Amino acid sequence: MAFFFPPALPSTNNVRSGGVVHREIFSFRRPNGGKYEGREWEGIVKPVIEKWGRFVKEYYS
């Protein structure tokens, strides 16, 4: 599995972040029907966050 991380956008007004604007690396479309409708957090978002956390912990800790 490969991940593509787009470069962060430069900022001219945010000194505390080192001049970098936050950019999302995951985006999700809201389901319109099916087993995930109304369960977006439990069925889609939370599992991705947990898997990403395990990846970061295993390879970058």
PDB file of N, CA and C in Angstrom:
ATOM      1  N   MET A   1       0.849  -1.173   0.000  1.00  0.00           N
ATOM      2  CA  MET A   1       0.000   0.000   0.000  1.00  0.00           C
ATOM      3  C   MET A   1       0.896   1.236   0.000  1.00  0.00           C
ATOM      4  N   ALA A   2       0.615   2.167  -0.868  1.00  0.00           N
ATOM      5  CA  ALA A   2       1.395   3.399  -0.950  1.00  0.00           C
ATOM      6  C   ALA A   2       0.532   4.581  -0.567  1.00  0.00           C
ATOM      7  N   PHE A   3       1.133   5.547   0.079  1.00  0.00           N
ATOM      8  CA  PHE A   3       0.442   6.772   0.463  1.00  0.00           C
ATOM      9  C   PHE A   3       1.087   7.936  -0.268  1.00  0.00           C
ATOM     10  N   PHE A   4       0.290   8.846  -0.747  1.00  0.00           N
ATOM     11  CA  PHE A   4       0.796  10.064  -1.360  1.00  0.00           C
ATOM     12  C   PHE A   4       0.466  11.222  -0.445  1.00  0.00           C
ATOM     13  N   PHE A   5       1.463  11.963  -0.030  1.00  0.00           N
ATOM     14  CA  PHE A   5       1.266  13.101   0.841  1.00  0.00           C
ATOM     15  C   PHE A   5       1.526  14.373   0.047  1.00  0.00           C
ATOM     16  N   PRO A   6       0.482  15.107  -0.297  1.00  0.00           N
ATOM     17  CA  PRO A   6       0.707  16.352  -1.033  1.00  0.00           C
ATOM     18  C   PRO A   6       1.451  17.348  -0.156  1.00  0.00           C
ATOM     19  N   PRO A   7       2.269  18.187  -0.765  1.00  0.00           N
ATOM     20  CA  PRO A   7       3.004  19.167   0.033  1.00  0.00           C
ATOM     21  C   PRO A   7       2.062  20.160   0.689  1.00  0.00           C
ATOM     22  N   ALA A   8       2.440  20.622   1.865  1.00  0.00           N
ATOM     23  CA  ALA A   8       1.629  21.625   2.559  1.00  0.00           C
ATOM     24  C   ALA A   8       1.749  22.957   1.831  1.00  0.00           C
ATOM     25  N   LEU A   9       0.721  23.752   1.930  1.00  0.00           N
ATOM     26  CA  LEU A   9       0.718  25.057   1.288  1.00  0.00           C
ATOM     27  C   LEU A   9       1.433  26.070   2.168  1.00  0.00           C
ATOM     28  N   PRO A  10       2.258  26.929   1.597  1.00  0.00           N
ATOM     29  CA  PRO A  10       2.931  27.950   2.407  1.00  0.00           C
ATOM     30  C   PRO A  10       1.948  28.988   2.906  1.00  0.00           C
ATOM     31  N   SER A  11       2.236  29.533   4.051  1.00  0.00           N
ATOM     32  CA  SER A  11       1.401  30.567   4.640  1.00  0.00           C
ATOM     33  C   SER A  11       2.253  31.786   4.936  1.00  0.00           C
ATOM     34  N   THR A  12       1.656  32.947   4.800  1.00  0.00           N
ATOM     35  CA  THR A  12       2.393  34.173   5.094  1.00  0.00           C
ATOM     36  C   THR A  12       1.967  34.790   6.414  1.00  0.00           C
ATOM     37  N   ASN A  13       0.924  34.253   7.048  1.00  0.00           N
ATOM     38  CA  ASN A  13       0.414  34.909   8.245  1.00  0.00           C
ATOM     39  C   ASN A  13       0.348  34.021   9.480  1.00  0.00           C
ATOM     40  N   ASN A  14       0.807  32.810   9.448  1.00  0.00           N
ATOM     41  CA  ASN A  14       0.712  31.921  10.600  1.00  0.00           C
ATOM     42  C   ASN A  14       2.111  31.528  11.058  1.00  0.00           C
ATOM     43  N   VAL A  15       2.673  32.313  11.934  1.00  0.00           N
ATOM     44  CA  VAL A  15       4.039  32.090  12.392  1.00  0.00           C
ATOM     45  C   VAL A  15       4.126  30.879  13.316  1.00  0.00           C
ATOM     46  N   ARG A  16       3.106  30.665  14.137  1.00  0.00           N
ATOM     47  CA  ARG A  16       3.162  29.572  15.118  1.00  0.00           C
ATOM     48  C   ARG A  16       3.245  28.207  14.462  1.00  0.00           C
ATOM     49  N   SER A  17       2.710  28.026  13.270  1.00  0.00           N
ATOM     50  CA  SER A  17       2.760  26.724  12.614  1.00  0.00           C
ATOM     51  C   SER A  17       3.987  26.574  11.735  1.00  0.00           C
ATOM     52  N   GLY A  18       4.920  27.492  11.844  1.00  0.00           N
ATOM     53  CA  GLY A  18       6.113  27.422  11.017  1.00  0.00           C
ATOM     54  C   GLY A  18       5.848  27.860   9.585  1.00  0.00           C
ATOM     55  N   GLY A  19       4.780  28.611   9.371  1.00  0.00           N
ATOM     56  CA  GLY A  19       4.464  29.102   8.040  1.00  0.00           C
ATOM     57  C   GLY A  19       3.814  28.076   7.141  1.00  0.00           C
ATOM     58  N   VAL A  20       3.219  27.015   7.711  1.00  0.00           N
ATOM     59  CA  VAL A  20       2.602  25.955   6.921  1.00  0.00           C
ATOM     60  C   VAL A  20       1.117  25.872   7.248  1.00  0.00           C
ATOM     61  N   VAL A  21       0.303  25.728   6.222  1.00  0.00           N
ATOM     62  CA  VAL A  21      -1.132  25.573   6.389  1.00  0.00           C
ATOM     63  C   VAL A  21      -1.457  24.090   6.424  1.00  0.00           C
ATOM     64  N   HIS A  22      -2.359  23.701   7.316  1.00  0.00           N
ATOM     65  CA  HIS A  22      -2.763  22.297   7.435  1.00  0.00           C
ATOM     66  C   HIS A  22      -3.451  21.835   6.153  1.00  0.00           C
ATOM     67  N   ARG A  23      -3.147  20.626   5.707  1.00  0.00           N
ATOM     68  CA  ARG A  23      -3.807  20.044   4.548  1.00  0.00           C
ATOM     69  C   ARG A  23      -4.258  18.631   4.917  1.00  0.00           C
ATOM     70  N   GLU A  24      -5.496  18.323   4.632  1.00  0.00           N
ATOM     71  CA  GLU A  24      -6.028  16.991   4.937  1.00  0.00           C
ATOM     72  C   GLU A  24      -5.372  15.947   4.048  1.00  0.00           C
ATOM     73  N   ILE A  25      -5.056  14.775   4.621  1.00  0.00           N
ATOM     74  CA  ILE A  25      -4.513  13.700   3.810  1.00  0.00           C
ATOM     75  C   ILE A  25      -5.561  12.627   3.545  1.00  0.00           C
ATOM     76  N   PHE A  26      -6.667  12.675   4.272  1.00  0.00           N
ATOM     77  CA  PHE A  26      -7.779  11.763   4.032  1.00  0.00           C
ATOM     78  C   PHE A  26      -9.030  12.592   3.797  1.00  0.00           C
ATOM     79  N   SER A  27      -9.819  12.198   2.847  1.00  0.00           N
ATOM     80  CA  SER A  27     -11.126  12.832   2.670  1.00  0.00           C
ATOM     81  C   SER A  27     -12.144  11.719   2.431  1.00  0.00           C
ATOM     82  N   PHE A  28     -13.332  11.923   2.910  1.00  0.00           N
ATOM     83  CA  PHE A  28     -14.376  10.915   2.817  1.00  0.00           C
ATOM     84  C   PHE A  28     -15.636  11.542   2.228  1.00  0.00           C
ATOM     85  N   ARG A  29     -16.322  10.782   1.422  1.00  0.00           N
ATOM     86  CA  ARG A  29     -17.624  11.226   0.927  1.00  0.00           C
ATOM     87  C   ARG A  29     -18.693  10.625   1.822  1.00  0.00           C
ATOM     88  N   ARG A  30     -19.701  11.424   2.151  1.00  0.00           N
ATOM     89  CA  ARG A  30     -20.777  10.949   3.007  1.00  0.00           C
ATOM     90  C   ARG A  30     -21.633   9.940   2.230  1.00  0.00           C
ATOM     91  N   PRO A  31     -21.866   8.750   2.802  1.00  0.00           N
ATOM     92  CA  PRO A  31     -22.671   7.751   2.097  1.00  0.00           C
ATOM     93  C   PRO A  31     -24.144   8.174   2.023  1.00  0.00           C
ATOM     94  N   ASN A  32     -24.737   7.956   0.886  1.00  0.00           N
ATOM     95  CA  ASN A  32     -26.164   8.226   0.696  1.00  0.00           C
ATOM     96  C   ASN A  32     -26.887   6.902   0.562  1.00  0.00           C
ATOM     97  N   GLY A  33     -26.984   6.213   1.656  1.00  0.00           N
ATOM     98  CA  GLY A  33     -27.621   4.901   1.668  1.00  0.00           C
ATOM     99  C   GLY A  33     -26.605   3.828   1.990  1.00  0.00           C
ATOM    100  N   GLY A  34     -27.079   2.628   2.145  1.00  0.00           N
ATOM    101  CA  GLY A  34     -26.196   1.512   2.436  1.00  0.00           C
ATOM    102  C   GLY A  34     -25.899   1.362   3.912  1.00  0.00           C
ATOM    103  N   LYS A  35     -25.014   0.431   4.233  1.00  0.00           N
ATOM    104  CA  LYS A  35     -24.772   0.078   5.631  1.00  0.00           C
ATOM    105  C   LYS A  35     -24.036   1.150   6.421  1.00  0.00           C
ATOM    106  N   TYR A  36     -23.404   2.119   5.767  1.00  0.00           N
ATOM    107  CA  TYR A  36     -22.662   3.154   6.490  1.00  0.00           C
ATOM    108  C   TYR A  36     -23.443   4.444   6.699  1.00  0.00           C
ATOM    109  N   GLU A  37     -24.598   4.583   6.097  1.00  0.00           N
ATOM    110  CA  GLU A  37     -25.369   5.807   6.286  1.00  0.00           C
ATOM    111  C   GLU A  37     -25.780   5.933   7.754  1.00  0.00           C
ATOM    112  N   GLY A  38     -25.463   7.074   8.349  1.00  0.00           N
ATOM    113  CA  GLY A  38     -25.742   7.296   9.760  1.00  0.00           C
ATOM    114  C   GLY A  38     -24.704   6.684  10.691  1.00  0.00           C
ATOM    115  N   ARG A  39     -23.757   5.970  10.148  1.00  0.00           N
ATOM    116  CA  ARG A  39     -22.698   5.322  10.930  1.00  0.00           C
ATOM    117  C   ARG A  39     -21.327   5.703  10.392  1.00  0.00           C
ATOM    118  N   GLU A  40     -21.205   6.891   9.855  1.00  0.00           N
ATOM    119  CA  GLU A  40     -19.965   7.308   9.221  1.00  0.00           C
ATOM    120  C   GLU A  40     -18.782   7.240  10.176  1.00  0.00           C
ATOM    121  N   TRP A  41     -18.985   7.715  11.397  1.00  0.00           N
ATOM    122  CA  TRP A  41     -17.891   7.719  12.374  1.00  0.00           C
ATOM    123  C   TRP A  41     -17.458   6.300  12.715  1.00  0.00           C
ATOM    124  N   GLU A  42     -18.406   5.462  13.127  1.00  0.00           N
ATOM    125  CA  GLU A  42     -18.074   4.109  13.578  1.00  0.00           C
ATOM    126  C   GLU A  42     -17.588   3.211  12.444  1.00  0.00           C
ATOM    127  N   GLY A  43     -18.164   3.368  11.256  1.00  0.00           N
ATOM    128  CA  GLY A  43     -17.876   2.437  10.171  1.00  0.00           C
ATOM    129  C   GLY A  43     -16.781   2.860   9.216  1.00  0.00           C
ATOM    130  N   ILE A  44     -16.499   4.161   9.155  1.00  0.00           N
ATOM    131  CA  ILE A  44     -15.518   4.628   8.171  1.00  0.00           C
ATOM    132  C   ILE A  44     -14.386   5.410   8.829  1.00  0.00           C
ATOM    133  N   VAL A  45     -14.713   6.514   9.483  1.00  0.00           N
ATOM    134  CA  VAL A  45     -13.687   7.437   9.968  1.00  0.00           C
ATOM    135  C   VAL A  45     -12.847   6.838  11.094  1.00  0.00           C
ATOM    136  N   LYS A  46     -13.472   6.329  12.122  1.00  0.00           N
ATOM    137  CA  LYS A  46     -12.740   5.788  13.272  1.00  0.00           C
ATOM    138  C   LYS A  46     -11.801   4.638  12.882  1.00  0.00           C
ATOM    139  N   PRO A  47     -12.247   3.668  12.069  1.00  0.00           N
ATOM    140  CA  PRO A  47     -11.311   2.605  11.679  1.00  0.00           C
ATOM    141  C   PRO A  47     -10.093   3.120  10.902  1.00  0.00           C
ATOM    142  N   VAL A  48     -10.283   4.125  10.062  1.00  0.00           N
ATOM    143  CA  VAL A  48      -9.150   4.679   9.317  1.00  0.00           C
ATOM    144  C   VAL A  48      -8.176   5.363  10.268  1.00  0.00           C
ATOM    145  N   ILE A  49      -8.695   6.132  11.223  1.00  0.00           N
ATOM    146  CA  ILE A  49      -7.832   6.796  12.201  1.00  0.00           C
ATOM    147  C   ILE A  49      -7.053   5.763  13.019  1.00  0.00           C
ATOM    148  N   GLU A  50      -7.722   4.707  13.439  1.00  0.00           N
ATOM    149  CA  GLU A  50      -7.049   3.666  14.225  1.00  0.00           C
ATOM    150  C   GLU A  50      -5.958   2.972  13.411  1.00  0.00           C
ATOM    151  N   LYS A  51      -6.243   2.655  12.152  1.00  0.00           N
ATOM    152  CA  LYS A  51      -5.238   2.005  11.303  1.00  0.00           C
ATOM    153  C   LYS A  51      -4.060   2.931  11.051  1.00  0.00           C
ATOM    154  N   TRP A  52      -4.345   4.202  10.820  1.00  0.00           N
ATOM    155  CA  TRP A  52      -3.268   5.179  10.599  1.00  0.00           C
ATOM    156  C   TRP A  52      -2.404   5.300  11.858  1.00  0.00           C
ATOM    157  N   GLY A  53      -3.040   5.306  13.022  1.00  0.00           N
ATOM    158  CA  GLY A  53      -2.297   5.373  14.279  1.00  0.00           C
ATOM    159  C   GLY A  53      -1.384   4.184  14.468  1.00  0.00           C
ATOM    160  N   ARG A  54      -1.873   2.994  14.134  1.00  0.00           N
ATOM    161  CA  ARG A  54      -1.022   1.793  14.242  1.00  0.00           C
ATOM    162  C   ARG A  54       0.156   1.869  13.264  1.00  0.00           C
ATOM    163  N   PHE A  55      -0.095   2.349  12.061  1.00  0.00           N
ATOM    164  CA  PHE A  55       0.967   2.494  11.070  1.00  0.00           C
ATOM    165  C   PHE A  55       2.042   3.453  11.570  1.00  0.00           C
ATOM    166  N   VAL A  56       1.622   4.613  12.053  1.00  0.00           N
ATOM    167  CA  VAL A  56       2.577   5.609  12.526  1.00  0.00           C
ATOM    168  C   VAL A  56       3.362   5.069  13.722  1.00  0.00           C
ATOM    169  N   LYS A  57       2.660   4.429  14.642  1.00  0.00           N
ATOM    170  CA  LYS A  57       3.330   3.880  15.826  1.00  0.00           C
ATOM    171  C   LYS A  57       4.362   2.829  15.435  1.00  0.00           C
ATOM    172  N   GLU A  58       4.009   1.945  14.496  1.00  0.00           N
ATOM    173  CA  GLU A  58       4.906   0.863  14.115  1.00  0.00           C
ATOM    174  C   GLU A  58       6.122   1.354  13.330  1.00  0.00           C
ATOM    175  N   TYR A  59       5.928   2.303  12.439  1.00  0.00           N
ATOM    176  CA  TYR A  59       7.020   2.688  11.544  1.00  0.00           C
ATOM    177  C   TYR A  59       7.732   3.973  11.921  1.00  0.00           C
ATOM    178  N   TYR A  60       7.151   4.768  12.827  1.00  0.00           N
ATOM    179  CA  TYR A  60       7.767   6.065  13.153  1.00  0.00           C
ATOM    180  C   TYR A  60       7.981   6.273  14.629  1.00  0.00           C
ATOM    181  N   SER A  61       7.824   5.238  15.469  1.00  0.00           N
ATOM    182  CA  SER A  61       8.068   5.399  16.906  1.00  0.00           C
ATOM    183  C   SER A  61       9.337   4.705  17.309  1.00  0.00           C
TER     184      SER A  61
END
